[in-house]
C-alpha atoms as a PDB file:
ATOM      1  CA  MET A   1       0.156   0.161   0.033  1.00  0.00           C
ATOM      2  CA  LYS A   2       1.156   3.457  -0.616  1.00  0.00           C
ATOM      3  CA  TYR A   3      -0.602   4.880   2.501  1.00  0.00           C
ATOM      4  CA  LYS A   4      -1.374   3.430   5.712  1.00  0.00           C
ATOM      5  CA  ILE A   5      -4.224   3.226   8.012  1.00  0.00           C
ATOM      6  CA  LEU A   6      -2.725   3.892  11.329  1.00  0.00           C
ATOM      7  CA  ASN A   7      -3.636   2.803  15.019  1.00  0.00           C
ATOM      8  CA  THR A   8      -6.574   0.574  14.160  1.00  0.00           C
ATOM      9  CA  PRO A   9      -6.935  -3.283  14.146  1.00  0.00           C
ATOM     10  CA  ALA A  10      -7.210  -5.501  11.165  1.00  0.00           C
ATOM     11  CA  VAL A  11     -10.908  -6.471  10.215  1.00  0.00           C
ATOM     12  CA  PRO A  12     -10.240  -9.323   7.963  1.00  0.00           C
ATOM     13  CA  ASN A  13     -14.069 -10.168   7.857  1.00  0.00           C
ATOM     14  CA  MET A  14     -15.063  -6.597   6.876  1.00  0.00           C
ATOM     15  CA  PRO A  15     -17.638  -6.410   3.798  1.00  0.00           C
ATOM     16  CA  TRP A  16     -15.933  -5.965   0.493  1.00  0.00           C
ATOM     17  CA  GLN A  17     -17.065  -6.104  -3.089  1.00  0.00           C
ATOM     18  CA  ASP A  18     -14.198  -4.985  -6.322  1.00  0.00           C
ATOM     19  CA  LYS A  19     -14.605  -2.059  -8.293  1.00  0.00           C
ATOM     20  CA  PRO A  20     -16.821  -3.039 -11.244  1.00  0.00           C
ATOM     21  CA  ALA A  21     -14.853  -3.193 -14.539  1.00  0.00           C
ATOM     22  CA  GLU A  22     -17.356  -1.372 -16.353  1.00  0.00           C
ATOM     23  CA  ASP A  23     -17.422   1.629 -13.683  1.00  0.00           C
ATOM     24  CA  LYS A  24     -16.350   4.598 -16.041  1.00  0.00           C
ATOM     25  CA  SER A  25     -16.969   7.602 -13.405  1.00  0.00           C
ATOM     26  CA  GLY A  26     -13.584   8.216 -12.245  1.00  0.00           C
ATOM     27  CA  LEU A  27     -14.606   8.565  -8.953  1.00  0.00           C
ATOM     28  CA  PRO A  28     -13.182   6.608  -5.942  1.00  0.00           C
ATOM     29  CA  LEU A  29     -15.954   5.380  -4.348  1.00  0.00           C
ATOM     30  CA  TRP A  30     -18.045   2.376  -5.850  1.00  0.00           C
ATOM     31  CA  ARG A  31     -21.500   1.219  -4.496  1.00  0.00           C
ATOM     32  CA  TYR A  32     -22.346  -1.957  -3.456  1.00  0.00           C
ATOM     33  CA  SER A  33     -24.728  -3.778  -6.084  1.00  0.00           C
ATOM     34  CA  GLU A  34     -27.168  -5.232  -3.680  1.00  0.00           C
ATOM     35  CA  ASN A  35     -27.730  -1.678  -2.011  1.00  0.00           C
ATOM     36  CA  PRO A  36     -29.680  -0.565  -0.163  1.00  0.00           C
ATOM     37  CA  ILE A  37     -28.731  -2.938   2.857  1.00  0.00           C
ATOM     38  CA  VAL A  38     -31.466  -1.789   4.881  1.00  0.00           C
ATOM     39  CA  GLY A  39     -34.781  -0.972   3.679  1.00  0.00           C
ATOM     40  CA  ARG A  40     -38.134   0.155   4.450  1.00  0.00           C
ATOM     41  CA  ASN A  41     -40.122  -1.125   7.835  1.00  0.00           C
ATOM     42  CA  PRO A  42     -36.930  -2.986   9.165  1.00  0.00           C
ATOM     43  CA  SER A  43     -38.306  -3.534  12.447  1.00  0.00           C
ATOM     44  CA  LYS A  44     -41.610  -3.193  14.351  1.00  0.00           C
ATOM     45  CA  GLY A  45     -42.880   0.406  14.858  1.00  0.00           C
ATOM     46  CA  VAL A  46     -40.234   1.945  12.841  1.00  0.00           C
ATOM     47  CA  ALA A  47     -40.908   2.806   9.198  1.00  0.00           C
ATOM     48  CA  ARG A  48     -37.361   3.951   7.935  1.00  0.00           C
ATOM     49  CA  ILE A  49     -33.715   3.490   9.100  1.00  0.00           C
ATOM     50  CA  PHE A  50     -30.993   5.584   7.802  1.00  0.00           C
ATOM     51  CA  ASN A  51     -28.163   8.171   8.809  1.00  0.00           C
ATOM     52  CA  SER A  52     -26.749   5.311  11.079  1.00  0.00           C
ATOM     53  CA  ALA A  53     -23.390   4.117  12.156  1.00  0.00           C
ATOM     54  CA  VAL A  54     -21.866   0.683  12.511  1.00  0.00           C
ATOM     55  CA  ALA A  55     -18.523  -0.619  13.704  1.00  0.00           C
ATOM     56  CA  PRO A  56     -16.329  -4.006  14.423  1.00  0.00           C
ATOM     57  CA  TYR A  57     -17.169  -5.480  17.538  1.00  0.00           C
ATOM     58  CA  GLY A  58     -15.799  -8.922  18.661  1.00  0.00           C
ATOM     59  CA  ASP A  59     -15.980 -11.261  15.586  1.00  0.00           C
ATOM     60  CA  ALA A  60     -18.795  -9.414  14.463  1.00  0.00           C
ATOM     61  CA  PHE A  61     -20.511  -6.096  14.165  1.00  0.00           C
ATOM     62  CA  ILE A  62     -22.585  -3.723  16.003  1.00  0.00           C
ATOM     63  CA  GLY A  63     -24.307  -0.511  15.309  1.00  0.00           C
ATOM     64  CA  VAL A  64     -26.293   2.530  16.414  1.00  0.00           C
ATOM     65  CA  PHE A  65     -29.203   3.244  13.988  1.00  0.00           C
ATOM     66  CA  ARG A  66     -31.625   6.198  13.238  1.00  0.00           C
ATOM     67  CA  GLY A  67     -34.928   4.645  13.365  1.00  0.00           C
ATOM     68  CA  GLU A  68     -37.836   6.779  12.191  1.00  0.00           C
ATOM     69  CA  GLN A  69     -40.775   5.454  14.042  1.00  0.00           C
ATOM     70  CA  THR A  70     -43.886   5.400  12.627  1.00  0.00           C
ATOM     71  CA  ASN A  71     -45.271   8.429  14.612  1.00  0.00           C
ATOM     72  CA  GLY A  72     -42.702  10.346  12.954  1.00  0.00           C
ATOM     73  CA  ILE A  73     -40.384  10.787  16.106  1.00  0.00           C
ATOM     74  CA  PRO A  74     -36.479   9.418  15.645  1.00  0.00           C
ATOM     75  CA  TYR A  75     -34.825   7.438  18.102  1.00  0.00           C
ATOM     76  CA  ILE A  76     -31.629   5.347  18.291  1.00  0.00           C
ATOM     77  CA  TYR A  77     -32.017   1.636  18.184  1.00  0.00           C
ATOM     78  CA  LEU A  78     -29.300  -1.020  18.615  1.00  0.00           C
ATOM     79  CA  GLY A  79     -28.318  -3.527  15.695  1.00  0.00           C
ATOM     80  CA  ARG A  80     -26.266  -6.302  15.263  1.00  0.00           C
ATOM     81  CA  SER A  81     -24.835  -8.331  12.305  1.00  0.00           C
ATOM     82  CA  ARG A  82     -22.551 -11.147  11.601  1.00  0.00           C
ATOM     83  CA  ASP A  83     -21.253  -9.664   7.949  1.00  0.00           C
ATOM     84  CA  ALA A  84     -22.025  -5.917   8.509  1.00  0.00           C
ATOM     85  CA  ILE A  85     -24.577  -6.050   5.702  1.00  0.00           C
ATOM     86  CA  HIS A  86     -27.429  -8.326   7.101  1.00  0.00           C
ATOM     87  CA  TRP A  87     -28.650  -6.522  10.123  1.00  0.00           C
ATOM     88  CA  GLU A  88     -30.896  -7.449  12.871  1.00  0.00           C
ATOM     89  CA  PHE A  89     -32.361  -4.652  15.418  1.00  0.00           C
ATOM     90  CA  ASP A  90     -33.504  -4.580  18.930  1.00  0.00           C
ATOM     91  CA  GLU A  91     -37.237  -3.962  18.963  1.00  0.00           C
ATOM     92  CA  GLU A  92     -36.676  -1.620  21.980  1.00  0.00           C
ATOM     93  CA  LYS A  93     -34.849   1.892  21.751  1.00  0.00           C
ATOM     94  CA  ILE A  94     -31.554   2.080  23.187  1.00  0.00           C
ATOM     95  CA  PRO A  95     -32.256   2.440  26.937  1.00  0.00           C
ATOM     96  CA  PHE A  96     -30.385   5.688  27.994  1.00  0.00           C
ATOM     97  CA  LYS A  97     -29.729   6.150  31.807  1.00  0.00           C
ATOM     98  CA  ASP A  98     -27.940   9.261  33.841  1.00  0.00           C
ATOM     99  CA  GLU A  99     -24.643   8.715  35.819  1.00  0.00           C
ATOM    100  CA  ASP A 100     -26.995   7.572  38.658  1.00  0.00           C
ATOM    101  CA  GLY A 101     -28.821   4.849  36.800  1.00  0.00           C
ATOM    102  CA  ASN A 102     -31.879   6.394  36.401  1.00  0.00           C
ATOM    103  CA  ASP A 103     -33.851   6.468  33.184  1.00  0.00           C
ATOM    104  CA  PHE A 104     -32.849   9.365  30.975  1.00  0.00           C
ATOM    105  CA  MET A 105     -34.440   9.296  27.452  1.00  0.00           C
ATOM    106  CA  PRO A 106     -34.095  12.205  25.059  1.00  0.00           C
ATOM    107  CA  GLY A 107     -37.217  13.497  23.708  1.00  0.00           C
ATOM    108  CA  TYR A 108     -35.691  12.342  20.174  1.00  0.00           C
ATOM    109  CA  ALA A 109     -32.569  11.418  18.863  1.00  0.00           C
ATOM    110  CA  TYR A 110     -30.940  11.247  15.295  1.00  0.00           C
ATOM    111  CA  ASP A 111     -28.239  10.959  13.203  1.00  0.00           C
ATOM    112  CA  PRO A 112     -26.112   8.775  15.742  1.00  0.00           C
ATOM    113  CA  ARG A 113     -22.254   8.221  15.288  1.00  0.00           C
ATOM    114  CA  LEU A 114     -20.367   5.325  17.115  1.00  0.00           C
ATOM    115  CA  VAL A 115     -16.736   5.859  18.063  1.00  0.00           C
ATOM    116  CA  LYS A 116     -14.333   4.027  20.270  1.00  0.00           C
ATOM    117  CA  VAL A 117     -11.731   6.063  22.154  1.00  0.00           C
ATOM    118  CA  GLU A 118      -9.372   3.891  24.158  1.00  0.00           C
ATOM    119  CA  ASP A 119     -11.617   1.321  25.923  1.00  0.00           C
ATOM    120  CA  THR A 120     -14.894   3.147  25.944  1.00  0.00           C
ATOM    121  CA  TRP A 121     -17.832   3.489  22.930  1.00  0.00           C
ATOM    122  CA  TYR A 122     -19.212   6.761  22.707  1.00  0.00           C
ATOM    123  CA  VAL A 123     -22.781   7.129  20.788  1.00  0.00           C
ATOM    124  CA  ILE A 124     -22.944  10.816  19.741  1.00  0.00           C
ATOM    125  CA  TRP A 125     -26.407  12.311  18.254  1.00  0.00           C
ATOM    126  CA  CYS A 126     -28.531  15.032  17.915  1.00  0.00           C
ATOM    127  CA  GLN A 127     -31.385  15.990  20.164  1.00  0.00           C
ATOM    128  CA  ASP A 128     -33.266  18.478  21.980  1.00  0.00           C
ATOM    129  CA  PHE A 129     -31.246  20.476  24.529  1.00  0.00           C
ATOM    130  CA  TYR A 130     -33.796  23.394  24.425  1.00  0.00           C
ATOM    131  CA  GLY A 131     -33.058  23.483  20.660  1.00  0.00           C
ATOM    132  CA  ALA A 132     -31.382  21.027  18.381  1.00  0.00           C
ATOM    133  CA  SER A 133     -28.083  20.159  19.817  1.00  0.00           C
ATOM    134  CA  ILE A 134     -25.667  17.351  20.772  1.00  0.00           C
ATOM    135  CA  GLY A 135     -26.272  14.435  23.131  1.00  0.00           C
ATOM    136  CA  VAL A 136     -23.567  11.926  24.229  1.00  0.00           C
ATOM    137  CA  ALA A 137     -23.583   8.615  26.023  1.00  0.00           C
ATOM    138  CA  LYS A 138     -20.826   6.041  26.756  1.00  0.00           C
ATOM    139  CA  THR A 139     -20.845   2.273  27.039  1.00  0.00           C
ATOM    140  CA  GLN A 140     -18.377  -0.554  27.606  1.00  0.00           C
ATOM    141  CA  ASP A 141     -20.778  -3.664  26.686  1.00  0.00           C
ATOM    142  CA  PHE A 142     -23.681  -2.219  24.715  1.00  0.00           C
ATOM    143  CA  LYS A 143     -25.910  -2.943  27.433  1.00  0.00           C
ATOM    144  CA  THR A 144     -25.633   0.067  29.919  1.00  0.00           C
ATOM    145  CA  PHE A 145     -25.718   3.557  28.176  1.00  0.00           C
ATOM    146  CA  THR A 146     -24.791   6.419  30.422  1.00  0.00           C
ATOM    147  CA  ARG A 147     -25.457   9.784  29.054  1.00  0.00           C
ATOM    148  CA  ILE A 148     -22.798  12.505  29.819  1.00  0.00           C
ATOM    149  CA  GLU A 149     -22.875  16.046  29.796  1.00  0.00           C
ATOM    150  CA  ASN A 150     -24.021  17.478  26.518  1.00  0.00           C
ATOM    151  CA  PRO A 151     -20.765  19.260  25.002  1.00  0.00           C
ATOM    152  CA  PHE A 152     -22.623  22.363  23.420  1.00  0.00           C
ATOM    153  CA  ILE A 153     -25.607  24.669  23.839  1.00  0.00           C
ATOM    154  CA  PRO A 154     -27.921  25.087  20.971  1.00  0.00           C
ATOM    155  CA  PHE A 155     -27.880  24.854  17.972  1.00  0.00           C
ATOM    156  CA  ASN A 156     -25.576  22.390  16.646  1.00  0.00           C
ATOM    157  CA  ARG A 157     -25.477  19.142  14.781  1.00  0.00           C
ATOM    158  CA  ASN A 158     -23.207  16.569  12.945  1.00  0.00           C
ATOM    159  CA  ALA A 159     -20.960  15.871  16.248  1.00  0.00           C
ATOM    160  CA  VAL A 160     -18.227  13.511  15.100  1.00  0.00           C
ATOM    161  CA  LEU A 161     -15.458  12.158  17.615  1.00  0.00           C
ATOM    162  CA  PHE A 162     -12.109  11.563  16.560  1.00  0.00           C
ATOM    163  CA  PRO A 163     -11.084   7.817  17.391  1.00  0.00           C
ATOM    164  CA  ARG A 164      -8.211   8.919  19.800  1.00  0.00           C
ATOM    165  CA  LYS A 165      -6.893  11.754  21.860  1.00  0.00           C
ATOM    166  CA  VAL A 166      -4.627  14.412  20.016  1.00  0.00           C
ATOM    167  CA  ASN A 167      -2.177  16.238  22.445  1.00  0.00           C
ATOM    168  CA  GLY A 168      -4.146  14.349  25.430  1.00  0.00           C
ATOM    169  CA  ARG A 169      -7.392  15.964  24.304  1.00  0.00           C
ATOM    170  CA  TYR A 170     -10.538  14.611  22.892  1.00  0.00           C
ATOM    171  CA  LEU A 171     -11.686  16.095  19.582  1.00  0.00           C
ATOM    172  CA  MET A 172     -14.796  16.457  18.130  1.00  0.00           C
ATOM    173  CA  LEU A 173     -16.091  17.963  14.922  1.00  0.00           C
ATOM    174  CA  SER A 174     -19.296  19.941  14.800  1.00  0.00           C
ATOM    175  CA  ARG A 175     -21.478  21.925  12.820  1.00  0.00           C
ATOM    176  CA  PRO A 176     -22.982  24.995  14.619  1.00  0.00           C
ATOM    177  CA  SER A 177     -26.456  25.723  13.110  1.00  0.00           C
ATOM    178  CA  ASP A 178     -30.031  27.034  13.627  1.00  0.00           C
ATOM    179  CA  SER A 179     -33.093  25.885  14.754  1.00  0.00           C
ATOM    180  CA  GLY A 180     -34.576  24.992  11.462  1.00  0.00           C
ATOM    181  CA  HIS A 181     -33.411  22.928   8.393  1.00  0.00           C
ATOM    182  CA  THR A 182     -30.132  25.465   8.116  1.00  0.00           C
ATOM    183  CA  PRO A 183     -29.201  26.948   5.102  1.00  0.00           C
ATOM    184  CA  PHE A 184     -25.795  27.573   6.247  1.00  0.00           C
ATOM    185  CA  GLY A 185     -22.934  25.685   8.156  1.00  0.00           C
ATOM    186  CA  ASP A 186     -19.209  25.075   8.740  1.00  0.00           C
ATOM    187  CA  ILE A 187     -17.415  22.431  10.366  1.00  0.00           C
ATOM    188  CA  PHE A 188     -15.587  23.579  13.592  1.00  0.00           C
ATOM    189  CA  LEU A 189     -13.313  21.544  15.883  1.00  0.00           C
ATOM    190  CA  SER A 190     -13.271  21.427  19.761  1.00  0.00           C
ATOM    191  CA  GLU A 191     -11.402  19.814  22.023  1.00  0.00           C
ATOM    192  CA  SER A 192     -11.507  18.510  25.971  1.00  0.00           C
ATOM    193  CA  PRO A 193      -9.833  17.256  28.387  1.00  0.00           C
ATOM    194  CA  ASP A 194     -12.388  14.975  29.981  1.00  0.00           C
ATOM    195  CA  MET A 195     -15.499  14.607  27.732  1.00  0.00           C
ATOM    196  CA  THR A 196     -17.264  17.415  30.155  1.00  0.00           C
ATOM    197  CA  TYR A 197     -15.741  20.636  29.355  1.00  0.00           C
ATOM    198  CA  TRP A 198     -15.475  21.539  25.660  1.00  0.00           C
ATOM    199  CA  GLY A 199     -13.435  24.687  24.223  1.00  0.00           C
ATOM    200  CA  LYS A 200     -10.661  26.065  22.039  1.00  0.00           C
ATOM    201  CA  HIS A 201     -12.982  25.901  19.172  1.00  0.00           C
ATOM    202  CA  ARG A 202     -11.071  26.025  15.758  1.00  0.00           C
ATOM    203  CA  HIS A 203     -12.790  26.440  12.266  1.00  0.00           C
ATOM    204  CA  VAL A 204     -11.990  23.360   9.810  1.00  0.00           C
ATOM    205  CA  LEU A 205     -13.927  23.913   6.573  1.00  0.00           C
ATOM    206  CA  GLY A 206     -16.896  25.679   5.284  1.00  0.00           C
ATOM    207  CA  LYS A 207     -18.862  25.844   2.041  1.00  0.00           C
ATOM    208  CA  SER A 208     -16.814  26.666  -1.022  1.00  0.00           C
ATOM    209  CA  ASP A 209     -17.421  27.623  -4.528  1.00  0.00           C
ATOM    210  CA  ASN A 210     -17.645  24.122  -5.797  1.00  0.00           C
ATOM    211  CA  TRP A 211     -21.347  23.823  -6.849  1.00  0.00           C
ATOM    212  CA  TRP A 212     -22.212  20.578  -4.810  1.00  0.00           C
ATOM    213  CA  GLU A 213     -21.052  22.230  -1.573  1.00  0.00           C
ATOM    214  CA  ASN A 214     -22.037  26.060  -1.893  1.00  0.00           C
ATOM    215  CA  VAL A 215     -24.709  26.017   0.539  1.00  0.00           C
ATOM    216  CA  LYS A 216     -23.258  24.172   3.642  1.00  0.00           C
ATOM    217  CA  VAL A 217     -21.143  21.144   4.936  1.00  0.00           C
ATOM    218  CA  GLY A 218     -21.111  19.068   7.780  1.00  0.00           C
ATOM    219  CA  GLY A 219     -19.004  16.144   9.548  1.00  0.00           C
ATOM    220  CA  GLY A 220     -19.874  12.350   8.522  1.00  0.00           C
ATOM    221  CA  ALA A 221     -17.956   9.596   9.324  1.00  0.00           C
ATOM    222  CA  ALA A 222     -15.265   9.283  12.371  1.00  0.00           C
ATOM    223  CA  PRO A 223     -12.014  10.585  10.738  1.00  0.00           C
ATOM    224  CA  ILE A 224      -9.520   7.695   9.808  1.00  0.00           C
ATOM    225  CA  GLU A 225      -5.914   8.235  10.803  1.00  0.00           C
ATOM    226  CA  THR A 226      -3.534   7.411   8.099  1.00  0.00           C
ATOM    227  CA  SER A 227      -0.019   8.025   7.132  1.00  0.00           C
ATOM    228  CA  GLU A 228      -1.238  11.087   4.800  1.00  0.00           C
ATOM    229  CA  GLY A 229      -3.249  12.944   7.804  1.00  0.00           C
ATOM    230  CA  TRP A 230      -6.976  12.499   9.293  1.00  0.00           C
ATOM    231  CA  LEU A 231      -9.125  10.974   6.229  1.00  0.00           C
ATOM    232  CA  LEU A 232     -12.294  12.487   6.602  1.00  0.00           C
ATOM    233  CA  PHE A 233     -15.688  11.940   4.558  1.00  0.00           C
ATOM    234  CA  TYR A 234     -18.329  14.613   5.069  1.00  0.00           C
ATOM    235  CA  HIS A 235     -21.419  15.812   3.497  1.00  0.00           C
ATOM    236  CA  GLY A 236     -21.701  18.985   1.247  1.00  0.00           C
ATOM    237  CA  VAL A 237     -25.017  20.452   0.437  1.00  0.00           C
ATOM    238  CA  THR A 238     -26.122  22.365  -2.796  1.00  0.00           C
ATOM    239  CA  GLY A 239     -29.705  24.164  -3.210  1.00  0.00           C
ATOM    240  CA  THR A 240     -31.950  23.363  -6.522  1.00  0.00           C
ATOM    241  CA  CYS A 241     -35.107  24.317  -7.393  1.00  0.00           C
ATOM    242  CA  ASN A 242     -36.325  21.057  -5.893  1.00  0.00           C
ATOM    243  CA  GLY A 243     -34.628  21.144  -2.952  1.00  0.00           C
ATOM    244  CA  TYR A 244     -31.613  20.434  -1.215  1.00  0.00           C
ATOM    245  CA  VAL A 245     -29.035  17.644  -2.705  1.00  0.00           C
ATOM    246  CA  TYR A 246     -26.369  15.966  -0.284  1.00  0.00           C
ATOM    247  CA  SER A 247     -23.170  14.632  -1.692  1.00  0.00           C
ATOM    248  CA  ILE A 248     -20.451  12.948  -0.043  1.00  0.00           C
ATOM    249  CA  GLY A 249     -16.942  14.665   0.007  1.00  0.00           C
ATOM    250  CA  GLY A 250     -13.582  14.073   1.086  1.00  0.00           C
ATOM    251  CA  ALA A 251     -10.624  15.918   2.772  1.00  0.00           C
ATOM    252  CA  ILE A 252      -7.527  15.270   4.655  1.00  0.00           C
ATOM    253  CA  LEU A 253      -6.542  16.974   7.883  1.00  0.00           C
ATOM    254  CA  ASP A 254      -3.265  17.634   9.557  1.00  0.00           C
ATOM    255  CA  ILE A 255      -2.306  14.702  12.015  1.00  0.00           C
ATOM    256  CA  ASP A 256      -1.328  16.983  14.895  1.00  0.00           C
ATOM    257  CA  GLN A 257      -3.537  19.867  14.270  1.00  0.00           C
ATOM    258  CA  PRO A 258      -6.583  18.665  12.720  1.00  0.00           C
ATOM    259  CA  SER A 259      -8.033  22.042  12.078  1.00  0.00           C
ATOM    260  CA  VAL A 260      -5.550  22.563   9.312  1.00  0.00           C
ATOM    261  CA  VAL A 261      -6.767  21.395   6.162  1.00  0.00           C
ATOM    262  CA  LYS A 262      -4.002  19.818   3.924  1.00  0.00           C
ATOM    263  CA  TYR A 263      -6.383  18.475   0.875  1.00  0.00           C
ATOM    264  CA  ARG A 264      -9.648  18.846  -0.037  1.00  0.00           C
ATOM    265  CA  CYS A 265     -11.387  17.475  -2.913  1.00  0.00           C
ATOM    266  CA  LYS A 266     -13.026  19.660  -5.241  1.00  0.00           C
ATOM    267  CA  THR A 267     -15.411  17.329  -6.639  1.00  0.00           C
ATOM    268  CA  PHE A 268     -17.627  14.866  -4.924  1.00  0.00           C
ATOM    269  CA  LEU A 269     -16.851  11.177  -4.026  1.00  0.00           C
ATOM    270  CA  LEU A 270     -20.331  10.334  -4.305  1.00  0.00           C
ATOM    271  CA  THR A 271     -23.805  11.956  -5.274  1.00  0.00           C
ATOM    272  CA  PRO A 272     -27.282  10.804  -5.583  1.00  0.00           C
ATOM    273  CA  GLN A 273     -28.100   8.897  -8.888  1.00  0.00           C
ATOM    274  CA  GLU A 274     -29.574   5.482  -8.164  1.00  0.00           C
ATOM    275  CA  TRP A 275     -33.133   5.136  -7.051  1.00  0.00           C
ATOM    276  CA  TYR A 276     -32.805   4.635  -3.453  1.00  0.00           C
ATOM    277  CA  GLU A 277     -30.452   8.101  -3.288  1.00  0.00           C
ATOM    278  CA  GLU A 278     -32.809   9.714  -5.379  1.00  0.00           C
ATOM    279  CA  ARG A 279     -36.322   8.491  -4.283  1.00  0.00           C
ATOM    280  CA  GLY A 280     -37.213   8.333  -0.837  1.00  0.00           C
ATOM    281  CA  PHE A 281     -38.769  10.593   2.288  1.00  0.00           C
ATOM    282  CA  VAL A 282     -36.192  13.378   1.529  1.00  0.00           C
ATOM    283  CA  PRO A 283     -35.165  12.982  -2.087  1.00  0.00           C
ATOM    284  CA  ASN A 284     -31.357  13.432  -3.213  1.00  0.00           C
ATOM    285  CA  VAL A 285     -29.279  12.532  -0.101  1.00  0.00           C
ATOM    286  CA  THR A 286     -26.265  10.429   0.372  1.00  0.00           C
ATOM    287  CA  PHE A 287     -25.216  11.003   4.149  1.00  0.00           C
ATOM    288  CA  PRO A 288     -21.872   9.520   5.547  1.00  0.00           C
ATOM    289  CA  CYS A 289     -21.964   8.464   9.035  1.00  0.00           C
ATOM    290  CA  ALA A 290     -19.481   5.870   9.510  1.00  0.00           C
ATOM    291  CA  THR A 291     -16.756   3.606   7.937  1.00  0.00           C
ATOM    292  CA  ILE A 292     -15.299   0.130   8.522  1.00  0.00           C
ATOM    293  CA  HIS A 293     -11.548  -0.224   7.582  1.00  0.00           C
ATOM    294  CA  ASP A 294      -8.907  -2.750   7.571  1.00  0.00           C
ATOM    295  CA  ALA A 295      -5.247  -1.647   8.287  1.00  0.00           C
ATOM    296  CA  GLN A 296      -3.943  -4.568   6.716  1.00  0.00           C
ATOM    297  CA  THR A 297      -5.543  -4.484   3.164  1.00  0.00           C
ATOM    298  CA  GLY A 298      -6.415  -0.474   3.091  1.00  0.00           C
ATOM    299  CA  ARG A 299     -10.017  -1.327   2.370  1.00  0.00           C
ATOM    300  CA  ILE A 300     -12.742   1.051   3.515  1.00  0.00           C
ATOM    301  CA  ALA A 301     -16.521   0.525   3.628  1.00  0.00           C
ATOM    302  CA  VAL A 302     -18.220   3.585   3.576  1.00  0.00           C
ATOM    303  CA  TYR A 303     -22.242   3.569   5.177  1.00  0.00           C
ATOM    304  CA  TYR A 304     -24.368   6.398   4.209  1.00  0.00           C
ATOM    305  CA  GLY A 305     -27.901   7.052   4.529  1.00  0.00           C
ATOM    306  CA  CYS A 306     -30.174   7.423   1.319  1.00  0.00           C
ATOM    307  CA  ALA A 307     -33.052   9.849   0.743  1.00  0.00           C
ATOM    308  CA  ASP A 308     -33.692   9.869   4.393  1.00  0.00           C
ATOM    309  CA  THR A 309     -35.050   6.426   3.738  1.00  0.00           C
ATOM    310  CA  TYR A 310     -32.405   3.633   3.298  1.00  0.00           C
ATOM    311  CA  VAL A 311     -28.879   2.593   4.318  1.00  0.00           C
ATOM    312  CA  GLY A 312     -26.639   2.082   1.390  1.00  0.00           C
ATOM    313  CA  LEU A 313     -22.727   1.171   1.371  1.00  0.00           C
ATOM    314  CA  ALA A 314     -19.854   2.050  -0.832  1.00  0.00           C
ATOM    315  CA  PHE A 315     -16.175   0.902  -0.912  1.00  0.00           C
ATOM    316  CA  THR A 316     -13.098   2.149  -1.753  1.00  0.00           C
ATOM    317  CA  THR A 317      -9.345   1.912  -0.744  1.00  0.00           C
ATOM    318  CA  VAL A 318      -7.035   4.134   1.146  1.00  0.00           C
ATOM    319  CA  ASP A 319      -4.537   4.379  -1.685  1.00  0.00           C
ATOM    320  CA  GLU A 320      -7.555   5.114  -4.364  1.00  0.00           C
ATOM    321  CA  VAL A 321      -9.216   7.763  -2.033  1.00  0.00           C
ATOM    322  CA  VAL A 322      -6.184   9.599  -0.915  1.00  0.00           C
ATOM    323  CA  ASP A 323      -4.973   9.827  -4.202  1.00  0.00           C
ATOM    324  CA  TYR A 324      -8.011  11.050  -5.730  1.00  0.00           C
ATOM    325  CA  ILE A 325      -8.500  14.015  -2.870  1.00  0.00           C
ATOM    326  CA  LYS A 326      -4.844  14.817  -3.534  1.00  0.00           C
ATOM    327  CA  GLU A 327      -5.001  15.209  -7.064  1.00  0.00           C
ATOM    328  CA  ASN A 328      -8.103  17.091  -7.361  1.00  0.00           C
ATOM    329  CA  SER A 329      -7.423  19.136  -4.217  1.00  0.00           C
ATOM    330  CA  SER A 330      -8.628  22.533  -4.127  1.00  0.00           C
ATOM    331  CA  VAL A 331      -7.967  24.592  -0.678  1.00  0.00           C
ATOM    332  CA  SER A 332      -8.659  28.128   0.428  1.00  0.00           C
ATOM    333  CA  ALA A 333      -6.675  30.501   3.055  1.00  0.00           C
ATOM    334  CA  ALA A 334      -9.436  29.753   5.437  1.00  0.00           C
ATOM    335  CA  ASP A 335      -9.005  25.902   4.925  1.00  0.00           C
ATOM    336  CA  THR A 336      -5.058  26.099   5.738  1.00  0.00           C
ATOM    337  CA  GLU A 337      -5.235  28.459   8.529  1.00  0.00           C
ATOM    338  CA  ILE A 338      -5.368  27.153  12.118  1.00  0.00           C
ATOM    339  CA  GLY A 339      -9.073  28.371  12.116  1.00  0.00           C
ATOM    340  CA  ARG A 340      -8.501  30.955  15.106  1.00  0.00           C
ATOM    341  CA  ARG A 341      -9.339  34.495  14.640  1.00  0.00           C
END
């Protein structure tokens, strides 16, 4: 391999499908031929699952899934799989507790991420905190989920935790916003010594002149540590006469100062074009939330929400996607500065 995936174990049983010989797109991501991997009405009382996060766990896989209930209220459900493609979901919502062991369920919860830092798993999601903001819970066994302090005041979305501390600090990406379907938004970086107090906020990247991300951007999957920097899959949004379109973009952040963008791809990596991406509850959405990656082979599987209705799966390799981002990079002064003004 030209580039290495660092500080992550091998996942030899991760899902994989070779790039189709007939793929003429020139893009570094290709779709799983059996998409979508999660369809409508996946479990009792849940109409749609999308915008969800998965991870290797033991010799199998586990995930936290945005389940849109039939009453329209989103919650987070636990899912398990032997192959990371075919999923079984718990019928009951994840039972969040407070630090004293009492029930502490959010009014709603959506777009979860799942990240392990050292020996603890963290679930991060968007919820009501007197306005849309970020909720966090921790677990070590996927049986007890303990909510910890909310990191930010409203309004905020798309929080993504880094998979290891940098310079002794936890790091989290987020996208400050407003109370509605925000027509703006940049990605910021915050740090914490203890997962309770967050500060030293830095700007990472904002919308650009590229048509597919000229309205707003937001964090996607947890950054992957590579020999070239932190590989970030994010979403970029444009506006059309028929509403917003969400595409998947890619950037590489500095290892020691991740608010500094080394490379940023001026083209999308994936944009809605298949029926399950173009047609659904919210049309024209590809929304990355997680990756499974194997350090030994450099393979990467990207999990993404499709049209707020389905879960899709795409593949790439660290060599192909990093080369593509570097070869098609266009960074601004705001990208390459440390992000403090």
